[in-house]
């Protein structure tokens, strides 16, 4: 009888140990993790001499910091010059590498600057590249095909576990561009308007 009682305690201890380890793993892997929230719109910040910056913003709304962030700005254009599919390319931004993003910290990413020519990380076709380089604003780029989108990808490492995470924004279209600047993750009107 005593042997059965001891065996019961051992089994109960094993089940509780495995269960608590599973709960701890789930909390560490799914609850106490970094998480990124992106702005709902792209801000067109007006500069002097009729120039503009087009920016997206994001914030670490998670429970831990993100380290060694890599940020990619991907542009997709569908139906350019009658093509049936999408043509994707990556453009350089002002924030392609960020060492750290702590909890509740934000970052702005420049998508397009009318004062500078677009710099491509991976080249689109020659004809599409020439058309993009001739565009005076992001609005014009997003009108080049039947449909066009911009998406921001953020890759980074969980500051505690070291696991690499991937976060991506929604697909922004021309209708998602609003003149103004960011207050938090919301686009508000420029003070000079």
Protein backbone atom coordinates (compact mmCIF):
# COMPACT_ATOMS: atom_id res chain seq x y z
CA UNK A 1 0.00 0.00 0.00
CA UNK A 2 2.82 2.39 0.89
CA UNK A 3 4.52 1.60 -2.44
CA UNK A 4 1.38 2.60 -4.36
CA UNK A 5 1.16 5.81 -2.37
CA UNK A 6 4.80 6.67 -3.15
CA UNK A 7 4.31 5.80 -6.82
CA UNK A 8 1.26 8.11 -6.93
CA UNK A 9 3.31 11.01 -5.53
CA UNK A 10 6.08 10.38 -8.07
CA UNK A 11 3.59 10.32 -10.95
CA UNK A 12 1.83 13.42 -9.65
CA UNK A 13 5.19 15.21 -9.33
CA UNK A 14 6.16 14.19 -12.87
CA UNK A 15 2.86 15.40 -14.32
CA UNK A 16 3.05 18.70 -12.41
CA UNK A 17 6.69 19.18 -13.46
CA UNK A 18 5.98 18.57 -17.14
CA UNK A 19 2.83 20.70 -16.99
CA UNK A 20 4.52 23.65 -15.29
CA UNK A 21 7.43 23.44 -17.74
CA UNK A 22 4.96 23.53 -20.62
CA UNK A 23 3.14 26.53 -19.17
CA UNK A 24 6.45 28.35 -18.58
CA UNK A 25 7.56 27.60 -22.16
CA UNK A 26 4.25 28.84 -23.58
CA UNK A 27 4.41 32.09 -21.58
CA UNK A 28 8.03 32.71 -22.67
CA UNK A 29 7.38 31.86 -26.33
CA UNK A 30 3.93 33.40 -26.83
CA UNK A 31 3.17 35.99 -24.14
CA UNK A 32 6.41 37.64 -22.98
CA UNK A 33 7.64 38.37 -26.49
CA UNK A 34 8.36 41.45 -28.56
CA UNK A 35 5.56 42.53 -30.88
CA UNK A 36 5.36 45.31 -33.43
CA UNK A 37 2.37 47.46 -34.30
CA UNK A 38 2.52 49.46 -37.53
CA UNK A 39 0.83 52.74 -38.39
CA UNK A 40 -2.41 52.46 -40.33
CA UNK A 41 -1.32 55.12 -42.83
CA UNK A 42 1.76 56.47 -44.57
CA UNK A 43 2.57 60.07 -43.70
CA UNK A 44 3.51 62.50 -46.46
CA UNK A 45 5.53 65.09 -44.55
CA UNK A 46 5.76 68.31 -46.54
CA UNK A 47 9.17 70.01 -46.68
CA UNK A 48 10.22 73.32 -48.21
CA UNK A 49 10.50 73.81 -52.00
CA UNK A 50 7.60 71.40 -52.71
CA UNK A 51 9.52 68.36 -51.46
CA UNK A 52 8.06 65.57 -49.33
CA UNK A 53 9.11 62.62 -47.19
CA UNK A 54 6.88 59.56 -47.17
CA UNK A 55 7.16 57.67 -43.88
CA UNK A 56 5.72 54.69 -42.04
CA UNK A 57 5.98 54.26 -38.26
CA UNK A 58 5.99 51.26 -35.95
CA UNK A 59 6.19 50.61 -32.22
CA UNK A 60 7.35 47.69 -30.08
CA UNK A 61 4.14 46.98 -28.15
CA UNK A 62 5.45 43.65 -26.84
CA UNK A 63 6.83 42.57 -23.48
CA UNK A 64 10.56 42.54 -24.41
CA UNK A 65 13.06 44.48 -26.48
CA UNK A 66 14.04 43.58 -30.03
CA UNK A 67 17.71 43.67 -30.99
CA UNK A 68 19.56 43.83 -34.31
CA UNK A 69 16.57 44.91 -36.41
CA UNK A 70 16.69 44.68 -40.19
CA UNK A 71 14.03 46.76 -41.94
CA UNK A 72 12.99 46.22 -45.56
CA UNK A 73 10.69 48.38 -47.64
CA UNK A 74 9.10 46.23 -50.38
CA UNK A 75 7.16 47.74 -53.25
CA UNK A 76 4.95 45.59 -55.45
CA UNK A 77 3.47 46.70 -58.76
CA UNK A 78 0.91 44.57 -60.58
CA UNK A 79 0.23 44.76 -64.30
CA UNK A 80 3.08 47.09 -65.29
CA UNK A 81 3.11 47.44 -69.09
CA UNK A 82 0.46 44.72 -69.40
CA UNK A 83 2.25 42.11 -67.27
CA UNK A 84 -0.12 39.65 -65.59
CA UNK A 85 1.76 39.26 -62.30
CA UNK A 86 3.38 41.31 -59.60
CA UNK A 87 6.87 42.81 -59.78
CA UNK A 88 8.45 43.24 -56.33
CA UNK A 89 11.56 45.16 -55.39
CA UNK A 90 13.16 46.48 -52.20
CA UNK A 91 14.16 50.11 -51.80
CA UNK A 92 16.68 51.54 -49.35
CA UNK A 93 15.37 53.52 -46.42
CA UNK A 94 16.89 55.65 -43.71
CA UNK A 95 16.58 52.79 -41.23
CA UNK A 96 17.70 49.53 -42.78
CA UNK A 97 19.58 48.47 -39.59
CA UNK A 98 18.61 49.43 -36.03
CA UNK A 99 20.61 48.05 -33.07
CA UNK A 100 17.76 47.98 -30.53
CA UNK A 101 14.08 48.79 -30.09
CA UNK A 102 12.99 48.76 -26.44
CA UNK A 103 9.43 48.28 -25.19
CA UNK A 104 7.08 51.15 -26.08
CA UNK A 105 9.67 52.74 -28.38
CA UNK A 106 8.80 53.85 -31.90
CA UNK A 107 10.70 54.14 -35.13
CA UNK A 108 9.92 56.01 -38.35
CA UNK A 109 10.98 54.58 -41.68
CA UNK A 110 11.41 56.77 -44.73
CA UNK A 111 9.87 55.03 -47.74
CA UNK A 112 10.41 57.74 -50.35
CA UNK A 113 12.14 61.13 -50.36
CA UNK A 114 11.40 63.48 -53.27
CA UNK A 115 14.83 65.15 -52.87
CA UNK A 116 16.71 61.94 -53.69
CA UNK A 117 16.59 59.27 -56.36
CA UNK A 118 15.29 55.88 -55.22
CA UNK A 119 18.04 53.41 -54.32
CA UNK A 120 17.19 49.78 -55.00
CA UNK A 121 18.40 46.84 -52.92
CA UNK A 122 17.16 44.37 -55.51
CA UNK A 123 16.65 45.81 -58.98
CA UNK A 124 13.34 45.73 -60.81
CA UNK A 125 13.34 45.35 -64.59
CA UNK A 126 15.03 48.13 -66.56
CA UNK A 127 11.75 49.57 -67.88
CA UNK A 128 10.13 49.59 -64.41
CA UNK A 129 13.27 51.02 -62.80
CA UNK A 130 13.34 53.90 -65.30
CA UNK A 131 9.65 54.67 -64.67
CA UNK A 132 10.16 54.63 -60.88
CA UNK A 133 13.20 56.90 -61.14
CA UNK A 134 11.11 59.37 -63.18
CA UNK A 135 8.38 59.52 -60.50
CA UNK A 136 8.25 62.69 -58.42
CA UNK A 137 6.47 61.10 -55.44
CA UNK A 138 5.40 57.82 -53.89
CA UNK A 139 1.87 58.53 -55.12
CA UNK A 140 3.15 58.37 -58.71
CA UNK A 141 5.02 55.12 -58.05
CA UNK A 142 1.82 53.55 -56.72
CA UNK A 143 -0.01 54.51 -59.93
CA UNK A 144 2.36 52.69 -62.31
CA UNK A 145 0.33 49.51 -62.71
CA UNK A 146 -3.17 48.13 -62.23
CA UNK A 147 -2.45 47.83 -58.51
CA UNK A 148 0.53 48.71 -56.31
CA UNK A 149 1.42 48.24 -52.65
CA UNK A 150 4.13 49.06 -50.13
CA UNK A 151 4.83 46.71 -47.22
CA UNK A 152 7.37 47.09 -44.40
CA UNK A 153 9.14 43.97 -43.11
CA UNK A 154 10.96 44.03 -39.77
CA UNK A 155 13.26 41.18 -38.75
CA UNK A 156 14.82 41.14 -35.30
CA UNK A 157 15.89 39.02 -32.36
CA UNK A 158 13.99 38.64 -29.11
CA UNK A 159 16.20 40.32 -26.50
CA UNK A 160 15.73 37.45 -24.02
CA UNK A 161 15.46 34.22 -25.99
CA UNK A 162 17.48 35.21 -29.06
CA UNK A 163 14.77 33.83 -31.36
CA UNK A 164 14.55 35.64 -34.70
CA UNK A 165 11.14 37.18 -35.36
CA UNK A 166 9.52 38.53 -38.51
CA UNK A 167 6.89 41.27 -38.44
CA UNK A 168 5.18 42.77 -41.48
CA UNK A 169 2.89 45.69 -42.00
CA UNK A 170 -0.35 45.65 -43.86
CA UNK A 171 -0.23 46.44 -47.57
CA UNK A 172 -0.32 50.21 -48.00
CA UNK A 173 -1.87 51.60 -51.18
CA UNK A 174 -2.07 55.13 -52.56
CA UNK A 175 -5.32 55.69 -50.65
CA UNK A 176 -3.41 55.07 -47.38
CA UNK A 177 -1.15 58.12 -47.85
CA UNK A 178 -2.11 61.16 -45.78
CA UNK A 179 -0.40 64.56 -45.61
CA UNK A 180 0.97 65.25 -42.15
CA UNK A 181 3.38 63.88 -39.60
CA UNK A 182 3.24 61.20 -36.93
CA UNK A 183 1.99 61.66 -33.42
CA UNK A 184 2.53 58.21 -31.99
CA UNK A 185 1.34 55.91 -34.77
CA UNK A 186 -1.33 58.30 -36.04
CA UNK A 187 -0.87 60.76 -38.90
CA UNK A 188 -1.75 64.31 -37.84
CA UNK A 189 -1.65 67.52 -39.82
CA UNK A 190 1.68 69.33 -40.31
CA UNK A 191 1.92 72.49 -38.21
CA UNK A 192 2.78 74.58 -41.28
CA UNK A 193 -0.50 73.84 -43.12
